[in-house]
Protein backbone atom coordinates (compact mmCIF):
# COMPACT_ATOMS: atom_id res chain seq x y z
CA MET A 1 3.64 4.69 -10.58
CA THR A 2 3.82 1.42 -8.64
CA PHE A 3 5.75 -0.48 -6.03
CA CYS A 4 5.27 -4.26 -6.01
CA ILE A 5 7.64 -6.76 -4.47
CA GLY A 6 7.70 -10.54 -4.50
CA ILE A 7 10.02 -12.50 -2.19
CA LYS A 8 10.80 -16.21 -2.04
CA VAL A 9 12.66 -17.66 0.92
CA ARG A 10 12.98 -21.20 2.21
CA GLU A 11 9.88 -20.80 4.41
CA GLY A 12 7.58 -19.50 1.64
CA ILE A 13 6.72 -16.55 -0.58
CA ILE A 14 5.42 -13.01 -0.08
CA GLY A 15 3.75 -10.46 -2.32
CA LEU A 16 3.35 -6.82 -1.29
CA ALA A 17 1.91 -4.01 -3.42
CA ASP A 18 1.11 -0.36 -2.88
CA SER A 19 -2.26 0.98 -4.02
CA ARG A 20 -1.69 4.57 -5.16
CA ILE A 21 -2.89 5.55 -8.62
CA VAL A 22 -1.94 8.98 -10.01
CA VAL A 23 -3.92 10.39 -12.94
CA GLY A 24 -2.85 13.91 -13.77
CA ALA A 25 -3.23 15.95 -10.60
CA SER A 26 -5.61 13.47 -8.94
CA GLN A 27 -4.75 10.51 -6.73
CA ALA A 28 -6.76 7.40 -5.97
CA SER A 29 -6.36 3.98 -4.37
CA LYS A 30 -6.63 0.85 -6.52
CA ARG A 31 -5.73 -2.73 -5.73
CA LYS A 32 -2.64 -3.89 -7.65
CA LEU A 33 -2.36 -7.34 -6.05
CA ALA A 34 -4.98 -9.69 -7.45
CA ALA A 35 -5.90 -13.30 -6.72
CA ILE A 36 -6.12 -15.79 -9.58
CA ASP A 37 -8.57 -18.50 -8.52
CA HIS A 38 -7.87 -21.89 -10.04
CA PRO A 39 -9.32 -25.35 -9.36
CA ALA A 40 -5.87 -26.59 -8.32
CA GLY A 41 -5.10 -23.61 -6.07
CA THR A 42 -5.05 -19.83 -5.75
CA LEU A 43 -2.24 -17.69 -7.16
CA PHE A 44 -1.47 -14.00 -6.75
CA THR A 45 -0.32 -11.53 -9.36
CA MET A 46 1.03 -7.98 -9.19
CA THR A 47 1.57 -5.76 -12.21
CA SER A 48 3.11 -2.44 -13.17
CA GLY A 49 2.44 -0.36 -16.27
CA LEU A 50 -0.87 0.55 -17.88
CA ARG A 51 -3.86 -0.65 -15.88
CA SER A 52 -5.84 -1.25 -19.08
CA VAL A 53 -3.21 -3.79 -20.20
CA ARG A 54 -3.32 -5.47 -16.79
CA ASP A 55 -7.11 -5.71 -16.70
CA LYS A 56 -7.40 -7.02 -20.25
CA THR A 57 -4.67 -9.62 -19.74
CA LEU A 58 -6.23 -10.90 -16.51
CA THR A 59 -9.66 -11.02 -18.15
CA TYR A 60 -8.31 -13.09 -21.03
CA LEU A 61 -6.42 -15.34 -18.62
CA GLY A 62 -9.50 -15.91 -16.46
CA GLU A 63 -11.55 -16.77 -19.53
CA HIS A 64 -8.91 -19.25 -20.67
CA LEU A 65 -8.76 -20.93 -17.25
CA GLU A 66 -12.55 -21.25 -17.14
CA GLN A 67 -12.74 -22.83 -20.61
CA ARG A 68 -9.80 -25.22 -20.22
CA PRO A 69 -11.08 -28.83 -19.81
CA GLU A 70 -8.32 -29.81 -17.37
CA ALA A 71 -6.85 -27.57 -14.70
CA TYR A 72 -3.17 -26.71 -14.75
CA ASP A 73 -1.29 -28.41 -11.93
CA LYS A 74 1.91 -26.30 -11.85
CA VAL A 75 2.30 -22.55 -11.47
CA TYR A 76 4.67 -22.16 -14.42
CA GLN A 77 1.91 -23.41 -16.74
CA VAL A 78 -0.35 -20.55 -15.66
CA VAL A 79 2.59 -18.16 -16.00
CA ASN A 80 3.11 -19.41 -19.57
CA GLN A 81 -0.53 -18.71 -20.32
CA PHE A 82 -0.34 -15.27 -18.71
CA GLY A 83 2.55 -14.52 -21.07
CA GLU A 84 0.49 -15.73 -24.04
CA GLN A 85 -2.41 -13.47 -23.10
CA LEU A 86 -0.02 -10.55 -22.54
CA ARG A 87 1.35 -11.02 -26.07
CA ARG A 88 -2.23 -11.17 -27.35
CA VAL A 89 -3.00 -7.82 -25.73
CA ARG A 90 0.26 -6.42 -27.10
CA ASN A 91 -0.73 -7.42 -30.63
CA GLU A 92 -4.21 -5.95 -30.21
CA ASP A 93 -3.42 -2.72 -28.40
CA GLY A 94 0.30 -2.11 -28.88
CA PRO A 95 0.09 -0.18 -32.18
CA SER A 96 -2.63 2.19 -30.96
CA LEU A 97 -0.82 2.74 -27.65
CA ASN A 98 2.38 3.60 -29.53
CA MET A 99 0.49 6.04 -31.74
CA SER A 100 -0.74 7.75 -28.57
CA GLY A 101 2.77 7.95 -27.14
CA LEU A 102 2.12 5.28 -24.50
CA ALA A 103 4.61 2.49 -23.88
CA PHE A 104 3.57 -1.16 -23.61
CA ASN A 105 5.53 -1.74 -20.42
CA SER A 106 3.53 -4.19 -18.32
CA HIS A 107 5.67 -6.20 -15.91
CA ALA A 108 4.20 -8.82 -13.60
CA ILE A 109 5.07 -10.92 -10.56
CA ILE A 110 3.11 -14.16 -10.14
CA GLY A 111 3.32 -16.44 -7.13
CA GLY A 112 1.53 -19.40 -5.65
CA ARG A 113 1.36 -23.16 -5.51
CA LEU A 114 -0.68 -25.66 -7.50
CA ALA A 115 -1.31 -29.35 -6.95
CA SER A 116 1.93 -30.71 -8.42
CA ASP A 117 4.28 -27.98 -7.16
CA ALA A 118 6.63 -29.24 -4.47
CA GLU A 119 6.81 -25.78 -2.89
CA PRO A 120 5.52 -22.23 -3.46
CA GLN A 121 6.74 -20.70 -6.72
CA LEU A 122 7.53 -17.10 -7.73
CA TYR A 123 7.96 -15.72 -11.26
CA TYR A 124 8.72 -12.42 -12.98
CA VAL A 125 7.04 -11.83 -16.36
CA TYR A 126 8.48 -9.32 -18.84
CA PRO A 127 6.37 -7.18 -21.23
CA GLU A 128 7.30 -9.56 -24.04
CA GLY A 129 5.65 -12.46 -22.19
CA ASN A 130 8.82 -14.35 -21.29
CA TRP A 131 9.63 -15.04 -17.64
CA ILE A 132 12.28 -15.93 -15.08
CA GLU A 133 11.92 -17.88 -11.83
CA SER A 134 13.13 -16.87 -8.40
CA ASN A 135 16.02 -18.95 -7.08
CA LEU A 136 18.62 -19.09 -4.30
CA ASP A 137 20.62 -16.22 -5.77
CA LEU A 138 17.55 -14.18 -6.76
CA PRO A 139 15.18 -14.16 -3.75
CA TYR A 140 13.13 -11.11 -4.74
CA PHE A 141 11.60 -9.18 -7.64
CA ILE A 142 10.53 -5.52 -7.65
CA ILE A 143 8.43 -3.87 -10.35
CA GLY A 144 7.53 -0.22 -10.72
CA ARG A 145 9.69 2.05 -8.58
CA THR A 146 12.65 -0.31 -8.28
CA PRO A 147 15.73 1.59 -6.97
CA TYR A 148 14.73 2.86 -3.55
CA GLY A 149 14.02 -0.40 -1.74
CA LYS A 150 16.90 -2.41 -3.18
CA PRO A 151 19.68 -1.39 -0.78
CA ILE A 152 18.06 -2.82 2.33
CA LEU A 153 17.08 -6.00 0.50
CA ASP A 154 20.52 -6.50 -1.01
CA ARG A 155 22.13 -6.05 2.39
CA LEU A 156 19.79 -8.13 4.55
CA LEU A 157 17.63 -10.51 2.52
CA THR A 158 18.77 -14.03 1.66
CA TYR A 159 17.00 -17.26 0.82
CA GLU A 160 17.47 -18.33 4.47
CA THR A 161 15.76 -15.23 5.92
CA PRO A 162 12.73 -16.29 8.03
CA LEU A 163 9.40 -15.56 6.35
CA ARG A 164 8.32 -13.05 9.01
CA GLN A 165 11.57 -11.11 8.65
CA ALA A 166 11.24 -11.20 4.87
CA LEU A 167 7.82 -9.55 5.18
CA ALA A 168 9.31 -6.92 7.50
CA LEU A 169 12.01 -6.20 4.90
CA ALA A 170 9.36 -5.94 2.18
CA LEU A 171 7.56 -3.32 4.29
CA LEU A 172 10.79 -1.36 4.83
CA ALA A 173 11.53 -1.46 1.09
CA PHE A 174 8.05 -0.06 0.45
CA ASP A 175 8.53 2.58 3.14
CA ALA A 176 11.87 3.68 1.67
CA THR A 177 10.20 4.02 -1.73
CA ARG A 178 7.21 6.05 -0.58
CA THR A 179 9.56 8.31 1.41
CA SER A 180 11.42 9.19 -1.79
CA VAL A 181 8.55 9.53 -4.29
CA THR A 182 5.01 10.87 -4.30
CA ASP A 183 3.37 8.28 -6.54
CA VAL A 184 3.77 5.27 -4.21
CA ASP A 185 1.77 4.99 -0.99
CA GLY A 186 -0.54 2.85 1.12
CA PRO A 187 -2.72 1.13 1.85
CA ILE A 188 -0.68 -1.96 1.04
CA ASP A 189 -1.98 -5.36 -0.04
CA VAL A 190 -0.10 -8.43 1.14
CA ALA A 191 -0.16 -12.11 0.17
CA VAL A 192 1.73 -14.72 2.22
CA LEU A 193 2.11 -18.40 1.37
CA ALA A 194 4.10 -20.50 3.83
CA VAL A 195 5.86 -23.57 2.51
CA ASN A 196 3.53 -25.94 4.38
CA ASN A 197 0.34 -24.29 3.06
CA GLN A 198 -1.43 -24.68 -0.27
CA ARG A 199 -3.22 -21.32 -0.60
CA PRO A 200 -2.00 -17.80 0.18
CA THR A 201 -3.45 -15.55 2.85
CA PHE A 202 -4.46 -12.07 1.62
CA ARG A 203 -4.69 -8.94 3.79
CA ARG A 204 -4.92 -5.15 3.29
CA PHE A 205 -3.10 -2.87 5.75
CA ASN A 206 -3.62 0.87 6.24
CA ASP A 207 -0.92 3.25 7.45
CA GLU A 208 -2.09 3.02 11.05
CA ASP A 209 -1.66 -0.76 10.93
CA PHE A 210 2.08 -0.62 10.26
CA SER A 211 3.06 2.90 11.40
CA GLU A 212 4.45 1.54 14.68
CA SER A 213 6.93 -0.54 12.68
CA THR A 214 7.98 2.23 10.28
CA ASP A 215 8.21 4.84 13.06
CA TRP A 216 10.40 2.46 15.06
CA TRP A 217 12.63 1.97 12.01
CA THR A 218 13.07 5.74 11.55
CA GLU A 219 14.03 6.20 15.19
CA THR A 220 16.38 3.22 15.05
CA LEU A 221 18.19 4.73 12.06
CA LYS A 222 18.52 8.08 13.83
CA ASN A 223 20.02 6.40 16.89
CA ALA A 224 22.32 4.29 14.73
CA ILE A 225 23.72 7.40 13.03
CA SER A 226 24.35 9.01 16.42
CA ASN A 227 26.20 5.91 17.67
CA MET A 228 28.08 5.07 14.49
CA PRO A 229 31.90 5.02 14.86
CA HIS A 230 33.23 8.01 12.92
CA GLN A 231 36.84 8.56 13.78
CA TRP A 232 37.56 9.15 10.11
CA ILE A 233 35.14 12.11 10.18
CA ASP A 234 36.75 13.61 13.30
CA SER A 235 39.94 14.30 11.38
CA LEU A 236 38.07 16.72 9.15
CA PHE A 237 36.93 18.87 12.07
CA LYS A 238 40.15 19.36 14.03
């Protein structure tokens, strides 16, 4: 399965993706966060669903961007074209995938900033190729294993959350997910684009890189439970 999260706050955008691939009884590590190089800037994309659909869509998109006489200057234009190529792959491969019992269920998160964008942009693309944009009331998107990381984000993340704290919350959402399932795990790939920058910074982090943070979080939760007011519980044990 997959865990990918995109966050947009006032100070910029973040992409974080796990790298675990499960095929039958075997497990491997594959990059799920990819850079889309473009003359007007660099974008990032994260996808869930069949990897063959992802690879074919990105190949078609890259070919289109190379052949286009003029570069796109806004992120949504590239997102539109990603949706077009996704529909193309659906038309080509959808029937055979359905005959094999495989669902065409590729979801994508695309973020970045091109020359005419006033600020970094973040989009969610559905398997049908249509998309929605992040906004004040919708500061994050998750694809893949969606339920486990939502509670902490819904409680603590807002559009005004500082970018560093937003990345910390993305890590904790990933950590909650990998704690609950076996098909999501590190290393993690991260892209960060601050509002005053034009191109994202990409990094890969292994467990030892962020274990201090996640271990601290576990201990903090244990201490919080011990110190939580619970007079209502006491009445049950008299």
